[in-house]
N, C-alpha and C. Protein backbone atom coordinates (compact mmCIF):
# COMPACT_ATOMS: atom_id res chain seq x y z
N UNK A 1 73.47 151.39 72.52
CA UNK A 1 74.21 150.34 72.94
C UNK A 1 75.68 151.10 73.84
N UNK A 2 75.80 150.68 74.77
CA UNK A 2 76.62 151.17 75.66
C UNK A 2 78.39 150.70 75.31
N UNK A 3 79.10 151.75 75.77
CA UNK A 3 80.56 151.09 74.85
C UNK A 3 81.28 149.96 75.71
N UNK A 4 80.55 149.71 76.59
CA UNK A 4 81.30 148.70 77.14
C UNK A 4 80.86 146.97 76.98
N UNK A 5 79.78 147.44 76.02
CA UNK A 5 78.61 146.08 75.83
C UNK A 5 79.49 145.31 74.65
N UNK A 6 80.32 145.78 73.71
CA UNK A 6 81.03 145.09 72.74
C UNK A 6 81.99 143.79 73.30
N UNK A 7 82.62 144.60 74.66
CA UNK A 7 83.81 144.13 75.11
C UNK A 7 83.03 143.00 76.15
N UNK A 8 82.25 143.21 76.62
CA UNK A 8 81.15 142.21 77.81
C UNK A 8 81.03 141.41 77.09
N UNK A 9 80.52 141.64 75.57
CA UNK A 9 80.10 140.50 74.96
C UNK A 9 81.15 139.60 74.50
N UNK A 10 82.32 140.13 73.98
CA UNK A 10 83.37 139.31 73.60
C UNK A 10 83.80 138.33 75.04
N UNK A 11 83.80 138.69 76.15
CA UNK A 11 84.06 138.01 77.22
C UNK A 11 83.16 136.77 77.57
N UNK A 12 81.79 137.04 77.67
CA UNK A 12 81.21 136.01 77.55
C UNK A 12 80.94 135.24 76.62
N UNK A 13 81.35 135.48 74.87
CA UNK A 13 81.29 134.60 74.13
C UNK A 13 82.60 133.97 74.30
N UNK A 14 83.51 134.25 74.72
CA UNK A 14 84.91 133.40 74.60
C UNK A 14 84.22 132.13 75.67
N UNK A 15 83.65 132.11 76.89
CA UNK A 15 83.41 131.14 77.17
C UNK A 15 82.72 129.99 76.76
N UNK A 16 81.68 130.77 75.78
CA UNK A 16 80.71 129.90 75.26
C UNK A 16 81.40 129.27 73.82
N UNK A 17 82.43 129.65 73.41
CA UNK A 17 83.25 129.16 72.28
C UNK A 17 84.03 128.01 72.93
N UNK A 18 84.28 128.17 74.55
CA UNK A 18 85.29 127.19 74.94
C UNK A 18 84.68 126.10 75.58
N UNK A 19 83.09 125.90 75.34
CA UNK A 19 82.37 125.02 75.75
C UNK A 19 82.92 123.60 75.14
N UNK A 20 82.84 122.67 75.88
CA UNK A 20 82.99 121.01 75.65
C UNK A 20 82.59 120.47 74.61
N UNK A 21 82.31 121.11 73.18
CA UNK A 21 81.66 120.68 71.93
C UNK A 21 82.53 119.67 71.55
N UNK A 22 81.73 118.41 71.06
CA UNK A 22 82.32 117.53 70.44
C UNK A 22 83.14 117.36 69.47
N UNK A 23 83.59 116.44 68.55
CA UNK A 23 84.67 116.51 67.74
C UNK A 23 84.03 117.12 66.39
N UNK A 24 82.79 116.69 66.18
CA UNK A 24 81.87 116.96 65.00
C UNK A 24 81.35 118.32 64.86
N UNK A 25 81.73 119.23 65.99
CA UNK A 25 81.28 120.57 65.88
C UNK A 25 81.92 121.75 65.87
N UNK A 26 81.68 122.58 65.35
CA UNK A 26 82.39 124.01 65.09
C UNK A 26 81.55 125.20 65.74
N UNK A 27 81.95 125.77 66.56
CA UNK A 27 81.29 127.15 66.91
C UNK A 27 82.05 128.37 66.70
N UNK A 28 81.42 129.18 65.80
CA UNK A 28 82.15 130.34 64.78
C UNK A 28 81.19 131.63 65.40
N UNK A 29 82.15 132.69 66.01
CA UNK A 29 81.54 134.02 66.33
C UNK A 29 82.14 134.96 65.88
N UNK A 30 81.34 136.12 65.38
CA UNK A 30 81.75 137.31 64.86
C UNK A 30 80.54 138.41 65.69
N UNK A 31 81.40 138.99 66.24
CA UNK A 31 80.65 140.37 66.98
C UNK A 31 79.42 139.33 67.92
N UNK A 32 78.03 139.85 67.51
CA UNK A 32 77.21 139.10 68.04
C UNK A 32 76.32 137.76 67.36
N UNK A 33 76.81 137.53 66.29
CA UNK A 33 76.55 136.17 65.31
C UNK A 33 77.30 135.36 65.88
N UNK A 34 76.41 133.97 66.10
CA UNK A 34 77.16 132.78 66.41
C UNK A 34 76.75 131.95 65.55
N UNK A 35 77.39 131.16 64.97
CA UNK A 35 77.38 129.95 63.98
C UNK A 35 77.58 128.25 64.88
N UNK A 36 76.80 127.79 64.66
CA UNK A 36 77.18 126.23 65.04
C UNK A 36 77.12 125.52 64.01
N UNK A 37 77.98 124.23 63.57
CA UNK A 37 78.41 123.67 62.36
C UNK A 37 78.71 122.33 63.14
N UNK A 38 77.97 121.43 62.77
CA UNK A 38 77.98 119.84 62.72
C UNK A 38 78.21 119.38 61.55
N UNK A 39 79.07 118.37 61.81
CA UNK A 39 79.12 117.27 60.39
C UNK A 39 78.98 115.63 60.92
N UNK A 40 78.16 115.22 59.88
CA UNK A 40 77.48 114.15 60.66
C UNK A 40 77.41 113.23 59.24
N UNK A 41 77.14 112.11 59.16
CA UNK A 41 76.96 111.01 58.00
C UNK A 41 75.60 110.97 57.50
N UNK A 42 74.68 111.03 58.36
CA UNK A 42 73.29 111.48 58.23
C UNK A 42 72.59 112.22 58.58
N UNK A 43 71.20 112.69 58.16
CA UNK A 43 70.62 113.47 58.60
C UNK A 43 69.89 113.52 59.92
N UNK A 44 69.64 112.21 60.49
CA UNK A 44 69.41 111.86 61.77
C UNK A 44 70.55 111.99 62.53
N UNK A 45 71.53 111.88 62.32
CA UNK A 45 72.73 111.83 62.92
C UNK A 45 72.86 113.22 63.49
N UNK A 46 72.99 113.91 62.32
CA UNK A 46 73.20 115.60 62.47
C UNK A 46 72.14 116.04 63.17
N UNK A 47 70.74 115.76 63.26
CA UNK A 47 70.01 116.04 64.41
C UNK A 47 70.38 115.92 65.56
N UNK A 48 70.47 114.46 65.68
CA UNK A 48 70.83 114.11 67.34
C UNK A 48 72.19 115.19 67.87
N UNK A 49 73.17 115.16 66.81
CA UNK A 49 74.57 116.03 67.20
C UNK A 49 74.16 117.18 67.49
N UNK A 50 73.40 118.07 67.04
CA UNK A 50 72.93 119.23 67.19
C UNK A 50 72.05 119.34 68.09
N UNK A 51 70.85 118.78 68.50
CA UNK A 51 70.20 118.97 69.76
C UNK A 51 71.32 118.61 70.84
N UNK A 52 72.16 117.88 71.01
CA UNK A 52 73.08 117.86 72.06
C UNK A 52 73.95 119.20 72.15
N UNK A 53 74.17 119.61 71.35
CA UNK A 53 75.19 120.62 70.93
C UNK A 53 74.23 122.01 71.75
N UNK A 54 72.92 121.99 70.95
CA UNK A 54 71.94 123.04 71.60
C UNK A 54 71.94 122.93 73.22
N UNK A 55 71.48 121.67 73.68
CA UNK A 55 71.37 121.69 75.31
C UNK A 55 72.59 122.37 75.83
N UNK A 56 73.97 121.90 75.35
CA UNK A 56 74.93 122.36 76.22
C UNK A 56 74.73 124.26 75.92
N UNK A 57 74.59 124.90 74.81
CA UNK A 57 74.21 126.21 74.45
C UNK A 57 73.24 126.81 75.43
N UNK A 58 72.00 125.82 75.47
CA UNK A 58 71.07 126.47 76.48
C UNK A 58 71.36 126.43 78.15
N UNK A 59 72.16 125.48 78.47
CA UNK A 59 72.73 125.40 79.58
C UNK A 59 73.57 126.58 80.26
N UNK A 60 74.37 126.76 79.32
CA UNK A 60 75.29 127.96 79.09
C UNK A 60 74.63 129.07 79.33
N UNK A 61 73.68 129.35 78.43
CA UNK A 61 73.01 130.67 78.74
C UNK A 61 72.34 130.76 79.73
N UNK A 62 71.71 129.73 80.12
CA UNK A 62 71.11 129.87 81.64
C UNK A 62 71.89 130.45 82.95
N UNK A 63 73.33 129.85 82.62
CA UNK A 63 74.31 129.84 83.62
C UNK A 63 74.87 131.30 83.54
N UNK A 64 74.95 131.79 82.43
CA UNK A 64 75.24 133.26 82.00
C UNK A 64 74.41 134.21 81.63
N UNK A 65 73.24 133.97 81.80
CA UNK A 65 72.05 134.96 82.50
C UNK A 65 71.70 135.63 80.79
N UNK A 66 72.07 134.88 79.81
CA UNK A 66 71.88 135.19 78.55
C UNK A 66 70.68 134.78 77.91
N UNK A 67 69.71 135.47 76.70
CA UNK A 67 69.09 134.59 76.14
C UNK A 67 69.08 134.43 74.97
N UNK A 68 69.14 133.51 74.18
CA UNK A 68 69.15 133.26 72.66
C UNK A 68 67.82 133.43 72.07
N UNK A 69 67.04 134.12 71.32
CA UNK A 69 65.94 134.40 70.74
C UNK A 69 65.79 132.90 69.52
N UNK A 70 64.82 131.99 69.63
CA UNK A 70 64.87 131.23 69.20
C UNK A 70 64.20 131.70 67.58
N UNK A 71 62.92 132.42 67.92
CA UNK A 71 62.91 133.30 66.17
C UNK A 71 63.91 133.77 65.72
N UNK A 72 64.82 134.33 66.09
CA UNK A 72 66.02 134.83 65.10
C UNK A 72 67.13 133.79 65.11
N UNK A 73 66.99 132.59 65.38
CA UNK A 73 67.87 131.49 65.24
C UNK A 73 67.36 130.85 64.27
N UNK A 74 68.04 130.33 63.16
CA UNK A 74 67.60 129.53 62.00
C UNK A 74 68.51 128.27 61.76
N UNK A 75 67.91 127.02 61.24
CA UNK A 75 68.58 125.81 60.84
C UNK A 75 69.02 125.70 59.40
N UNK A 76 69.76 125.25 58.92
CA UNK A 76 69.82 124.96 57.78
C UNK A 76 70.72 123.43 57.49
N UNK A 77 70.29 122.70 56.49
CA UNK A 77 70.92 121.48 56.46
C UNK A 77 71.50 121.93 55.09
N UNK A 78 72.98 121.46 54.87
CA UNK A 78 73.70 121.66 53.63
C UNK A 78 74.13 120.14 53.03
N UNK A 79 73.82 119.78 52.05
CA UNK A 79 73.82 118.05 51.75
C UNK A 79 73.53 118.00 50.42
N UNK A 80 74.37 117.15 49.68
CA UNK A 80 74.03 117.37 48.15
C UNK A 80 73.59 116.03 48.20
N UNK A 81 73.19 115.42 49.04
CA UNK A 81 72.55 113.90 48.86
C UNK A 81 70.68 114.05 48.36
N UNK A 82 70.04 113.63 47.67
CA UNK A 82 69.12 113.84 47.25
C UNK A 82 67.82 113.06 47.98
N UNK A 83 68.46 111.59 48.45
CA UNK A 83 67.37 110.45 49.09
C UNK A 83 67.16 110.74 50.35
N UNK A 84 67.98 111.37 50.88
CA UNK A 84 67.60 111.52 52.59
C UNK A 84 66.37 112.41 52.93
N UNK A 85 65.58 112.44 53.94
CA UNK A 85 64.68 113.40 54.33
C UNK A 85 65.70 114.75 54.69
N UNK A 86 64.77 115.59 54.73
CA UNK A 86 65.56 117.15 54.63
C UNK A 86 65.02 117.93 55.81
N UNK A 87 64.04 117.42 56.58
CA UNK A 87 63.48 117.96 57.51
C UNK A 87 64.09 117.63 58.90
N UNK A 88 64.59 118.41 59.84
CA UNK A 88 65.36 118.31 60.81
C UNK A 88 64.17 119.01 61.89
N UNK A 89 64.39 118.52 63.34
CA UNK A 89 63.71 119.42 64.74
C UNK A 89 64.76 119.36 65.46
N UNK A 90 65.48 120.59 65.44
CA UNK A 90 66.16 121.34 66.37
C UNK A 90 65.70 122.27 67.55
N UNK A 91 66.00 122.04 68.65
CA UNK A 91 65.37 122.97 69.80
C UNK A 91 66.58 123.66 70.38
N UNK A 92 66.10 124.96 70.72
CA UNK A 92 66.68 125.91 71.48
C UNK A 92 65.82 126.59 72.57
N UNK A 93 66.10 126.35 73.63
CA UNK A 93 65.37 126.64 75.06
C UNK A 93 63.99 126.25 74.75
N UNK A 94 64.00 124.79 74.20
CA UNK A 94 62.52 123.92 74.37
C UNK A 94 61.65 124.50 73.10
N UNK A 95 62.17 125.44 72.71
CA UNK A 95 61.60 125.75 71.36
C UNK A 95 62.26 125.38 69.78
N UNK A 96 60.96 124.98 69.10
CA UNK A 96 61.74 124.51 67.75
C UNK A 96 62.27 125.37 66.75
N UNK A 97 63.57 125.23 66.29
CA UNK A 97 64.24 126.46 65.72
C UNK A 97 63.51 126.06 63.93
N UNK A 98 63.40 127.37 63.13
CA UNK A 98 62.91 127.18 62.22
C UNK A 98 63.90 126.94 60.85
N UNK A 99 63.76 125.92 60.35
CA UNK A 99 64.59 125.38 58.96
C UNK A 99 64.23 126.34 57.94
N UNK A 100 65.37 126.65 57.09
CA UNK A 100 65.57 127.36 56.05
C UNK A 100 66.26 126.48 54.87
N UNK A 101 66.15 127.14 53.60
CA UNK A 101 67.32 126.42 52.55
C UNK A 101 67.88 127.67 52.10
N UNK A 102 68.20 128.50 52.53
CA UNK A 102 69.46 129.71 52.51
C UNK A 102 68.82 130.56 53.85
N UNK A 103 70.50 130.99 54.16
CA UNK A 103 70.20 132.12 54.97
C UNK A 103 71.54 133.24 54.57
N UNK A 104 71.56 134.22 55.47
CA UNK A 104 72.46 135.29 55.26
C UNK A 104 73.37 135.65 56.53
N UNK A 105 74.71 135.21 56.19
CA UNK A 105 75.70 135.05 57.17
C UNK A 105 76.87 135.92 56.80
N UNK A 106 77.01 137.11 57.83
CA UNK A 106 78.06 138.13 57.52
C UNK A 106 77.78 138.79 56.04
N UNK A 107 76.78 138.72 55.70
CA UNK A 107 76.90 139.58 54.33
C UNK A 107 76.78 138.52 53.06
N UNK A 108 76.77 137.28 53.34
CA UNK A 108 77.13 136.20 52.34
C UNK A 108 75.80 135.35 52.34
N UNK A 109 75.06 135.43 51.29
CA UNK A 109 73.76 134.38 51.37
C UNK A 109 74.34 132.93 51.35
N UNK A 110 74.31 132.04 51.74
CA UNK A 110 74.44 130.52 51.80
C UNK A 110 73.53 129.67 52.10
N UNK A 111 73.19 128.79 50.68
CA UNK A 111 71.94 128.02 50.45
C UNK A 111 72.57 126.75 50.77
N UNK A 112 71.37 125.96 50.78
CA UNK A 112 71.72 124.45 51.32
C UNK A 112 72.60 123.72 50.45
N UNK A 113 72.63 123.92 49.05
CA UNK A 113 73.02 123.22 47.94
C UNK A 113 74.90 123.74 47.81
N UNK A 114 75.20 124.62 48.85
CA UNK A 114 76.49 125.33 48.51
C UNK A 114 76.78 125.83 46.95
N UNK A 115 75.53 126.25 46.39
CA UNK A 115 76.04 126.84 45.35
C UNK A 115 76.25 128.32 45.04
N UNK A 116 75.89 129.14 45.86
CA UNK A 116 76.30 130.45 45.96
C UNK A 116 75.30 131.53 44.83
N UNK A 117 74.36 130.35 44.24
CA UNK A 117 73.96 131.52 42.96
C UNK A 117 72.53 132.42 43.53
N UNK A 118 72.16 132.30 44.83
CA UNK A 118 71.57 133.36 45.45
C UNK A 118 72.29 134.72 46.10
N UNK A 119 73.22 134.42 46.34
CA UNK A 119 74.61 135.50 46.89
C UNK A 119 74.86 136.11 45.61
N UNK A 120 75.07 135.57 44.20
CA UNK A 120 75.42 136.23 43.16
C UNK A 120 74.28 137.12 42.66
N UNK A 121 73.05 136.46 42.74
CA UNK A 121 71.78 137.37 42.42
C UNK A 121 71.76 138.89 43.41
N UNK A 122 72.12 138.53 44.55
CA UNK A 122 71.86 139.39 45.46
C UNK A 122 72.92 140.67 45.24
N UNK A 123 74.04 140.21 45.04
CA UNK A 123 75.00 141.20 44.87
C UNK A 123 74.97 141.64 43.55
N UNK A 124 74.29 141.01 42.09
CA UNK A 124 73.99 141.79 40.93
C UNK A 124 73.00 142.63 41.36
N UNK A 125 71.83 142.50 41.60
CA UNK A 125 70.75 143.48 42.07
C UNK A 125 71.46 144.65 42.73
N UNK A 126 72.18 144.44 43.63
CA UNK A 126 72.81 145.63 44.64
C UNK A 126 73.49 146.29 43.57
N UNK A 127 74.39 145.76 42.56
CA UNK A 127 75.34 146.84 41.88
C UNK A 127 74.42 147.37 40.74
N UNK A 128 73.23 146.81 40.31
CA UNK A 128 72.61 147.54 39.08
C UNK A 128 72.08 148.66 39.44
N UNK A 129 71.46 149.22 40.36
CA UNK A 129 71.32 150.65 40.34
C UNK A 129 72.14 151.58 40.51
N UNK A 130 73.33 151.44 40.97
CA UNK A 130 74.50 152.23 40.80
C UNK A 130 75.17 152.23 39.61
N UNK A 131 75.05 151.04 38.83
CA UNK A 131 75.55 151.05 37.63
C UNK A 131 74.64 151.73 36.59
N UNK A 132 73.26 151.80 36.75
CA UNK A 132 72.20 152.36 35.72
C UNK A 132 72.48 153.78 35.99
N UNK A 133 72.39 154.16 37.32
CA UNK A 133 72.47 155.56 37.78
C UNK A 133 73.54 156.42 37.15
N UNK A 134 74.84 155.78 37.04
CA UNK A 134 76.07 156.17 36.49
C UNK A 134 75.92 156.36 35.02
N UNK A 135 75.38 155.32 34.50
CA UNK A 135 75.15 155.25 33.10
C UNK A 135 74.31 156.40 32.37
N UNK A 136 73.50 156.85 33.13
CA UNK A 136 72.38 158.05 32.78
C UNK A 136 73.29 159.00 32.87
N UNK A 137 74.10 159.14 33.62
CA UNK A 137 74.94 160.59 33.94
C UNK A 137 76.32 160.61 33.15
N UNK A 138 76.35 159.34 32.33
CA UNK A 138 77.67 159.78 31.73
C UNK A 138 77.33 159.81 30.01
N UNK A 139 77.28 160.85 29.69
CA UNK A 139 77.09 161.48 28.04
C UNK A 139 78.25 162.00 27.60
N UNK A 140 78.21 162.00 26.17
CA UNK A 140 79.43 162.50 25.76
C UNK A 140 79.44 163.96 25.72
N UNK A 141 78.40 164.53 25.57
CA UNK A 141 78.52 166.22 25.79
C UNK A 141 78.17 166.78 26.87
N UNK A 142 77.50 166.02 28.12
CA UNK A 142 77.16 166.71 29.16
C UNK A 142 77.00 165.55 30.08
N UNK A 143 76.98 165.81 31.42
CA UNK A 143 76.88 164.98 32.58
C UNK A 143 78.56 165.03 33.23
N UNK A 144 78.60 164.14 34.27
CA UNK A 144 79.51 163.80 35.17
C UNK A 144 80.75 163.38 34.18
N UNK A 145 81.98 164.14 34.65
CA UNK A 145 83.13 163.78 34.05
C UNK A 145 83.87 162.55 34.49
N UNK A 146 84.59 161.68 33.84
CA UNK A 146 85.33 160.44 33.46
C UNK A 146 85.62 160.35 35.20
N UNK A 147 86.57 161.35 35.65
CA UNK A 147 87.22 160.88 36.92
C UNK A 147 86.18 160.72 38.01
N UNK A 148 85.03 161.66 38.21
CA UNK A 148 83.76 161.42 38.79
C UNK A 148 83.30 160.37 38.92
N UNK A 149 83.19 159.58 37.32
CA UNK A 149 82.55 158.48 37.27
C UNK A 149 82.86 157.38 37.91
N UNK A 150 84.31 157.19 37.76
CA UNK A 150 85.36 156.56 37.85
C UNK A 150 85.37 156.36 39.49
N UNK A 151 85.36 157.49 40.06
CA UNK A 151 85.23 157.32 41.70
C UNK A 151 84.07 156.71 42.26
N UNK A 152 83.06 157.24 41.50
CA UNK A 152 81.63 156.24 41.91
C UNK A 152 81.86 154.86 41.76
N UNK A 153 82.14 154.59 40.58
CA UNK A 153 82.43 153.18 40.39
C UNK A 153 83.36 152.60 41.41
N UNK A 154 84.51 153.18 41.60
CA UNK A 154 85.41 152.36 42.55
C UNK A 154 85.02 152.26 43.90
N UNK A 155 83.96 153.40 44.49
CA UNK A 155 83.73 153.14 45.73
C UNK A 155 82.23 152.69 46.06
N UNK A 156 81.55 152.64 45.07
CA UNK A 156 80.11 152.29 45.41
C UNK A 156 79.85 150.85 44.49
N UNK A 157 80.43 150.76 43.55
CA UNK A 157 80.14 149.22 42.90
C UNK A 157 81.06 148.04 42.97
N UNK A 158 82.75 148.54 42.78
CA UNK A 158 83.70 147.77 43.18
C UNK A 158 83.34 146.90 44.54
N UNK A 159 83.22 147.42 45.58
CA UNK A 159 83.22 146.85 46.79
C UNK A 159 82.27 146.08 47.09
């Protein structure tokens, strides 16, 4: 990647973020990640709103000679209602986007019920290995000194 690419992407993304999105839509960007959030009363309404916004993004991408890959794009319905249909047909560049129950965005796993149990499990699993490794090294008569273990804990586990 060239040193100009991040700045160039920021300039281009700025025009995308300034598109005339509807009041029910928010576009959030970080680096090369883009999140489009639509708020609606029903699933059908959310589907219609999102397809309208995706058509704006498709048009913008053609005008700016950028291509969003439908295979890398995901759709997730966040709702606590139980009786409504859950499937949505959202299209980007005439390709239907995959609908998922959870997704990772900026290192956080978000699930369709906004419960964050998957994220907690993910973080717990990531912390278990360093904790087990440091506990094997921490013996009374031998092993790593307390200061060394504290440094490992502060730099590897706490973050």
